[in-house]
C-alpha atoms as a PDB file:
ATOM      1  CA  MET A   1       0.000   0.000   0.000  1.00  0.00           C
ATOM      2  CA  ASN A   2       2.865   2.348   0.832  1.00  0.00           C
ATOM      3  CA  LYS A   3       4.514   1.536  -2.464  1.00  0.00           C
ATOM      4  CA  LYS A   4       1.296   2.373  -4.345  1.00  0.00           C
ATOM      5  CA  GLY A   5       1.032   5.665  -2.447  1.00  0.00           C
ATOM      6  CA  GLU A   6       4.618   6.496  -3.182  1.00  0.00           C
ATOM      7  CA  THR A   7       4.112   5.678  -6.873  1.00  0.00           C
ATOM      8  CA  LEU A   8       1.039   7.914  -7.063  1.00  0.00           C
ATOM      9  CA  LEU A   9       2.928  10.719  -5.340  1.00  0.00           C
ATOM     10  CA  GLU A  10       5.817  10.350  -7.770  1.00  0.00           C
ATOM     11  CA  VAL A  11       3.410  10.522 -10.733  1.00  0.00           C
ATOM     12  CA  LEU A  12       1.788  13.672  -9.350  1.00  0.00           C
ATOM     13  CA  ILE A  13       5.186  15.290  -8.788  1.00  0.00           C
ATOM     14  CA  ALA A  14       6.280  14.361 -12.315  1.00  0.00           C
ATOM     15  CA  LEU A  15       3.066  15.777 -13.805  1.00  0.00           C
ATOM     16  CA  THR A  16       3.522  18.984 -11.831  1.00  0.00           C
ATOM     17  CA  ILE A  17       7.083  19.352 -13.097  1.00  0.00           C
ATOM     18  CA  VAL A  18       5.934  18.745 -16.682  1.00  0.00           C
ATOM     19  CA  ALA A  19       3.118  21.292 -16.332  1.00  0.00           C
ATOM     20  CA  VAL A  20       5.421  23.935 -14.850  1.00  0.00           C
ATOM     21  CA  SER A  21       8.022  23.300 -17.542  1.00  0.00           C
ATOM     22  CA  ALA A  22       5.414  23.516 -20.298  1.00  0.00           C
ATOM     23  CA  ALA A  23       4.070  26.807 -18.886  1.00  0.00           C
ATOM     24  CA  ALA A  24       7.592  28.219 -18.676  1.00  0.00           C
ATOM     25  CA  ALA A  25       8.338  27.136 -22.246  1.00  0.00           C
ATOM     26  CA  ALA A  26       5.090  28.659 -23.514  1.00  0.00           C
ATOM     27  CA  SER A  27       5.838  31.914 -21.694  1.00  0.00           C
ATOM     28  CA  ALA A  28       9.324  31.996 -23.186  1.00  0.00           C
ATOM     29  CA  ILE A  29       7.931  31.458 -26.691  1.00  0.00           C
ATOM     30  CA  VAL A  30       5.355  34.224 -26.233  1.00  0.00           C
ATOM     31  CA  SER A  31       8.034  36.605 -24.942  1.00  0.00           C
ATOM     32  CA  ALA A  32      10.323  35.732 -27.839  1.00  0.00           C
ATOM     33  CA  ASN A  33       7.533  36.384 -30.342  1.00  0.00           C
ATOM     34  CA  LYS A  34       6.759  39.750 -28.719  1.00  0.00           C
ATOM     35  CA  GLY A  35      10.440  40.671 -28.797  1.00  0.00           C
ATOM     36  CA  LEU A  36      10.653  39.709 -32.465  1.00  0.00           C
ATOM     37  CA  ALA A  37       7.578  41.783 -33.331  1.00  0.00           C
ATOM     38  CA  LEU A  38       8.941  44.768 -31.397  1.00  0.00           C
ATOM     39  CA  SER A  39      12.301  44.513 -33.160  1.00  0.00           C
ATOM     40  CA  LYS A  40      10.555  44.392 -36.538  1.00  0.00           C
ATOM     41  CA  ASN A  41       8.437  47.432 -35.699  1.00  0.00           C
ATOM     42  CA  TYR A  42      11.484  49.333 -34.470  1.00  0.00           C
ATOM     43  CA  MET A  43      13.148  48.694 -37.826  1.00  0.00           C
ATOM     44  CA  VAL A  44      10.027  49.791 -39.733  1.00  0.00           C
ATOM     45  CA  ALA A  45       9.709  52.929 -37.580  1.00  0.00           C
ATOM     46  CA  GLN A  46      13.382  53.764 -38.117  1.00  0.00           C
ATOM     47  CA  ASN A  47      12.911  53.492 -41.873  1.00  0.00           C
ATOM     48  CA  LEU A  48       9.793  55.664 -41.727  1.00  0.00           C
ATOM     49  CA  ALA A  49      11.707  58.289 -39.752  1.00  0.00           C
ATOM     50  CA  SER A  50      14.600  58.270 -42.240  1.00  0.00           C
ATOM     51  CA  GLU A  51      12.141  58.507 -45.123  1.00  0.00           C
ATOM     52  CA  GLY A  52      10.441  61.493 -43.468  1.00  0.00           C
ATOM     53  CA  LEU A  53      13.733  63.395 -43.246  1.00  0.00           C
ATOM     54  CA  GLU A  54      14.543  62.560 -46.867  1.00  0.00           C
ATOM     55  CA  ILE A  55      11.114  63.787 -47.974  1.00  0.00           C
ATOM     56  CA  VAL A  56      11.684  67.208 -46.401  1.00  0.00           C
ATOM     57  CA  LYS A  57      15.135  67.425 -47.997  1.00  0.00           C
ATOM     58  CA  ASN A  58      13.566  66.467 -51.321  1.00  0.00           C
ATOM     59  CA  ILE A  59      11.031  69.304 -50.963  1.00  0.00           C
ATOM     60  CA  ARG A  60      13.878  71.781 -50.452  1.00  0.00           C
ATOM     61  CA  ASP A  61      15.948  70.398 -53.346  1.00  0.00           C
ATOM     62  CA  THR A  62      12.951  70.445 -55.698  1.00  0.00           C
ATOM     63  CA  ASN A  63      12.317  74.082 -54.831  1.00  0.00           C
ATOM     64  CA  TRP A  64      15.948  74.873 -55.566  1.00  0.00           C
ATOM     65  CA  MET A  65      15.589  73.362 -59.026  1.00  0.00           C
ATOM     66  CA  LYS A  66      12.250  75.076 -59.718  1.00  0.00           C
ATOM     67  CA  PHE A  67      13.343  78.505 -58.476  1.00  0.00           C
ATOM     68  CA  PRO A  68      17.126  78.727 -58.909  1.00  0.00           C
ATOM     69  CA  LEU A  69      17.070  82.529 -58.965  1.00  0.00           C
ATOM     70  CA  ASN A  70      15.115  82.864 -55.734  1.00  0.00           C
ATOM     71  CA  LYS A  71      16.287  80.114 -53.406  1.00  0.00           C
ATOM     72  CA  LYS A  72      16.045  82.335 -50.349  1.00  0.00           C
ATOM     73  CA  ASP A  73      12.321  82.985 -50.648  1.00  0.00           C
ATOM     74  CA  CYS A  74      11.309  79.672 -52.176  1.00  0.00           C
ATOM     75  CA  TRP A  75      13.356  76.914 -50.504  1.00  0.00           C
ATOM     76  CA  LEU A  76      10.585  76.201 -47.960  1.00  0.00           C
ATOM     77  CA  ASN A  77       7.728  76.409 -50.476  1.00  0.00           C
ATOM     78  CA  LEU A  78       4.995  73.762 -49.989  1.00  0.00           C
ATOM     79  CA  ASN A  79       2.813  74.763 -52.933  1.00  0.00           C
ATOM     80  CA  VAL A  80       3.451  71.996 -55.478  1.00  0.00           C
ATOM     81  CA  ALA A  81       1.509  73.960 -58.114  1.00  0.00           C
ATOM     82  CA  ALA A  82       3.709  77.063 -57.773  1.00  0.00           C
ATOM     83  CA  THR A  83       5.336  78.106 -61.051  1.00  0.00           C
ATOM     84  CA  GLN A  84       6.469  81.619 -60.152  1.00  0.00           C
ATOM     85  CA  SER A  85       8.654  82.679 -57.250  1.00  0.00           C
ATOM     86  CA  THR A  86       5.914  85.115 -56.266  1.00  0.00           C
ATOM     87  CA  ASP A  87       3.768  82.086 -55.356  1.00  0.00           C
ATOM     88  CA  CYS A  88       6.242  80.885 -52.727  1.00  0.00           C
ATOM     89  CA  ALA A  89       5.158  83.144 -49.883  1.00  0.00           C
ATOM     90  CA  ALA A  90       1.583  81.824 -49.896  1.00  0.00           C
ATOM     91  CA  GLU A  91       2.442  78.388 -48.539  1.00  0.00           C
ATOM     92  CA  LYS A  92       5.715  77.483 -46.861  1.00  0.00           C
ATOM     93  CA  ILE A  93       7.185  75.645 -43.883  1.00  0.00           C
ATOM     94  CA  GLU A  94       7.023  77.967 -40.901  1.00  0.00           C
ATOM     95  CA  TRP A  95       8.315  78.107 -37.360  1.00  0.00           C
ATOM     96  CA  ASN A  96       6.397  80.008 -34.708  1.00  0.00           C
ATOM     97  CA  GLU A  97       7.403  80.699 -31.129  1.00  0.00           C
ATOM     98  CA  GLY A  98       5.110  80.305 -28.140  1.00  0.00           C
ATOM     99  CA  ALA A  99       3.294  77.561 -26.288  1.00  0.00           C
ATOM    100  CA  ASP A 100       0.436  77.503 -28.819  1.00  0.00           C
ATOM    101  CA  ALA A 101       2.666  77.506 -31.888  1.00  0.00           C
ATOM    102  CA  ASN A 102       1.569  75.044 -34.554  1.00  0.00           C
ATOM    103  CA  ASN A 103       4.812  73.597 -35.865  1.00  0.00           C
ATOM    104  CA  ASP A 104       3.594  70.071 -36.645  1.00  0.00           C
ATOM    105  CA  TYR A 105       3.101  68.839 -40.199  1.00  0.00           C
ATOM    106  CA  TYR A 106       1.882  65.635 -41.781  1.00  0.00           C
ATOM    107  CA  ILE A 107       3.394  64.214 -44.979  1.00  0.00           C
ATOM    108  CA  GLU A 108       1.254  63.875 -48.079  1.00  0.00           C
ATOM    109  CA  LYS A 109       1.740  63.229 -51.767  1.00  0.00           C
ATOM    110  CA  ILE A 110       0.045  65.360 -54.417  1.00  0.00           C
ATOM    111  CA  GLY A 111       0.491  63.813 -57.828  1.00  0.00           C
ATOM    112  CA  ASN A 112       4.126  62.769 -57.944  1.00  0.00           C
ATOM    113  CA  ARG A 113       5.294  65.451 -55.515  1.00  0.00           C
ATOM    114  CA  TRP A 114       5.772  65.162 -51.765  1.00  0.00           C
ATOM    115  CA  THR A 115       4.640  68.059 -49.617  1.00  0.00           C
ATOM    116  CA  LEU A 116       3.658  68.826 -46.026  1.00  0.00           C
ATOM    117  CA  GLY A 117       0.267  69.774 -44.637  1.00  0.00           C
ATOM    118  CA  THR A 118      -0.722  71.272 -41.313  1.00  0.00           C
ATOM    119  CA  ASP A 119      -3.828  71.746 -39.211  1.00  0.00           C
ATOM    120  CA  SER A 120      -4.221  73.581 -35.908  1.00  0.00           C
ATOM    121  CA  ASN A 121      -6.110  70.570 -34.509  1.00  0.00           C
ATOM    122  CA  GLN A 122      -3.437  68.074 -35.503  1.00  0.00           C
ATOM    123  CA  LYS A 123      -0.566  67.930 -33.041  1.00  0.00           C
ATOM    124  CA  ILE A 124       1.877  65.047 -32.814  1.00  0.00           C
ATOM    125  CA  ASP A 125       1.643  64.921 -29.025  1.00  0.00           C
ATOM    126  CA  ASN A 126      -2.137  64.494 -29.046  1.00  0.00           C
ATOM    127  CA  LEU A 127      -3.095  60.826 -29.084  1.00  0.00           C
ATOM    128  CA  PRO A 128      -4.943  59.160 -30.571  1.00  0.00           C
ATOM    129  CA  VAL A 129      -3.001  60.764 -33.374  1.00  0.00           C
ATOM    130  CA  PRO A 130      -5.120  62.288 -36.170  1.00  0.00           C
ATOM    131  CA  ASP A 131      -5.436  60.025 -39.181  1.00  0.00           C
ATOM    132  CA  LYS A 132      -3.441  62.295 -41.465  1.00  0.00           C
ATOM    133  CA  PHE A 133      -0.331  61.447 -39.434  1.00  0.00           C
ATOM    134  CA  GLY A 134      -0.958  57.737 -39.889  1.00  0.00           C
ATOM    135  CA  LEU A 135       0.533  55.055 -42.090  1.00  0.00           C
ATOM    136  CA  LYS A 136      -0.816  51.554 -42.509  1.00  0.00           C
ATOM    137  CA  LEU A 137      -0.001  48.390 -44.384  1.00  0.00           C
ATOM    138  CA  GLU A 138      -1.610  48.435 -47.809  1.00  0.00           C
ATOM    139  CA  GLU A 139      -4.638  46.149 -47.774  1.00  0.00           C
ATOM    140  CA  SER A 140      -3.655  44.778 -51.172  1.00  0.00           C
ATOM    141  CA  GLN A 141      -0.470  43.364 -49.679  1.00  0.00           C
ATOM    142  CA  PRO A 142      -0.810  40.388 -47.301  1.00  0.00           C
ATOM    143  CA  PRO A 143       1.195  40.814 -44.068  1.00  0.00           C
ATOM    144  CA  ALA A 144       3.750  38.170 -45.098  1.00  0.00           C
ATOM    145  CA  SER A 145       4.364  39.720 -48.523  1.00  0.00           C
ATOM    146  CA  PRO A 146       7.978  40.711 -49.229  1.00  0.00           C
ATOM    147  CA  GLU A 147       6.602  43.710 -51.156  1.00  0.00           C
ATOM    148  CA  ARG A 148       4.931  45.203 -48.100  1.00  0.00           C
ATOM    149  CA  LYS A 149       5.031  48.975 -47.901  1.00  0.00           C
ATOM    150  CA  TYR A 150       3.435  51.732 -45.897  1.00  0.00           C
ATOM    151  CA  THR A 151       1.490  54.575 -47.456  1.00  0.00           C
ATOM    152  CA  PRO A 152      -0.334  57.634 -46.110  1.00  0.00           C
ATOM    153  CA  ILE A 153      -3.891  56.730 -45.165  1.00  0.00           C
ATOM    154  CA  SER A 154      -7.142  58.577 -45.602  1.00  0.00           C
ATOM    155  CA  SER A 155      -9.380  59.826 -42.832  1.00  0.00           C
ATOM    156  CA  GLY A 156     -11.256  57.254 -40.778  1.00  0.00           C
ATOM    157  CA  GLU A 157      -8.871  54.328 -41.195  1.00  0.00           C
ATOM    158  CA  THR A 158      -6.922  52.724 -38.371  1.00  0.00           C
ATOM    159  CA  ALA A 159      -3.195  53.401 -38.465  1.00  0.00           C
ATOM    160  CA  ALA A 160      -0.375  51.136 -37.320  1.00  0.00           C
ATOM    161  CA  PHE A 161       2.273  53.875 -37.293  1.00  0.00           C
ATOM    162  CA  TYR A 162       1.949  57.621 -36.809  1.00  0.00           C
ATOM    163  CA  ARG A 163       4.458  59.984 -38.375  1.00  0.00           C
ATOM    164  CA  GLY A 164       4.714  63.748 -38.170  1.00  0.00           C
ATOM    165  CA  ILE A 165       7.263  66.452 -38.956  1.00  0.00           C
ATOM    166  CA  ARG A 166       7.979  69.058 -36.295  1.00  0.00           C
ATOM    167  CA  VAL A 167       9.838  72.312 -36.940  1.00  0.00           C
ATOM    168  CA  LEU A 168      12.107  73.015 -33.961  1.00  0.00           C
ATOM    169  CA  ASP A 169      13.833  76.202 -35.089  1.00  0.00           C
ATOM    170  CA  LEU A 170      14.376  78.570 -37.987  1.00  0.00           C
ATOM    171  CA  ASP A 171      17.680  80.394 -37.691  1.00  0.00           C
ATOM    172  CA  THR A 172      18.190  83.543 -39.791  1.00  0.00           C
ATOM    173  CA  THR A 173      21.617  84.494 -38.437  1.00  0.00           C
ATOM    174  CA  ASN A 174      23.874  86.445 -40.813  1.00  0.00           C
ATOM    175  CA  GLY A 175      21.196  86.669 -43.476  1.00  0.00           C
ATOM    176  CA  GLU A 176      21.224  82.908 -44.166  1.00  0.00           C
ATOM    177  CA  GLU A 177      18.524  80.510 -43.040  1.00  0.00           C
ATOM    178  CA  SER A 178      18.744  77.065 -41.456  1.00  0.00           C
ATOM    179  CA  LEU A 179      15.761  74.938 -40.504  1.00  0.00           C
ATOM    180  CA  THR A 180      15.912  72.335 -37.731  1.00  0.00           C
ATOM    181  CA  ILE A 181      13.286  69.644 -38.216  1.00  0.00           C
ATOM    182  CA  GLN A 182      12.367  66.525 -36.290  1.00  0.00           C
ATOM    183  CA  VAL A 183      10.475  63.533 -37.603  1.00  0.00           C
ATOM    184  CA  ILE A 184       8.528  61.602 -34.973  1.00  0.00           C
ATOM    185  CA  VAL A 185       7.169  58.080 -35.484  1.00  0.00           C
ATOM    186  CA  LYS A 186       4.876  56.521 -32.873  1.00  0.00           C
ATOM    187  CA  TRP A 187       3.168  53.162 -32.562  1.00  0.00           C
ATOM    188  CA  TYR A 188       1.529  50.967 -29.966  1.00  0.00           C
ATOM    189  CA  GLU A 189       2.624  47.527 -28.806  1.00  0.00           C
ATOM    190  CA  GLY A 190      -0.445  46.475 -26.877  1.00  0.00           C
ATOM    191  CA  ALA A 191      -1.152  49.317 -24.469  1.00  0.00           C
ATOM    192  CA  LYS A 192       2.416  50.669 -24.503  1.00  0.00           C
ATOM    193  CA  LEU A 193       3.379  53.600 -26.712  1.00  0.00           C
ATOM    194  CA  PHE A 194       6.757  53.543 -28.475  1.00  0.00           C
ATOM    195  CA  GLU A 195       8.428  56.429 -30.258  1.00  0.00           C
ATOM    196  CA  ILE A 196      11.394  57.046 -32.558  1.00  0.00           C
ATOM    197  CA  GLN A 197      12.751  60.481 -33.449  1.00  0.00           C
ATOM    198  CA  GLY A 198      15.188  61.768 -36.037  1.00  0.00           C
ATOM    199  CA  THR A 199      16.562  65.319 -36.379  1.00  0.00           C
ATOM    200  CA  GLU A 200      18.057  67.164 -39.336  1.00  0.00           C
ATOM    201  CA  ILE A 201      19.324  70.691 -39.978  1.00  0.00           C
ATOM    202  CA  LEU A 202      18.535  71.998 -43.463  1.00  0.00           C
ATOM    203  CA  THR A 203      19.980  75.174 -45.002  1.00  0.00           C
ATOM    204  CA  ASN A 204      19.013  77.393 -47.924  1.00  0.00           C
ATOM    205  CA  TYR A 205      22.545  77.309 -49.305  1.00  0.00           C
ATOM    206  CA  LEU A 206      24.846  74.627 -50.685  1.00  0.00           C
END
């Protein structure tokens, strides 16, 4: 009888060990999968941030080519339809001082030209972030597709990543201008908010 009791006890102990080991293994797998997903999203966010900085540089360079005789007034022009340098002042990247300054922009594409848009109600620090800051996986591309890419989304859709351009400073020292910009990419992993930033100083001279 004692031997049977001991055998039953040994079986229960063995089952407990197996159950604990299985739970630990499952937890480790879940943690590894979360870590892998976070690493992937960090890489995507980093690329989105780098792309944002390149887009702003491209806007400046395009303006230089369109208005070579008036770089000073036109290098920050956001009006893609502008054909004369006199059109540059109507729409341009601006920097305003003060707590209520609206220095946040979203990236959009008009035709084949990148530009920036702004709205007094759309601030990068306000979450949930307005849809115009968002990017999402194209629905035509399955998640596992090697051709996956992120594109600006239209109003009302859910975004996976949020990207905005913030103007930090416009320096006009010595008659030249330099613009300090920051691209901010945000996304959620569950209930936790993650953020990546990139900063660039642009000038109106070569």
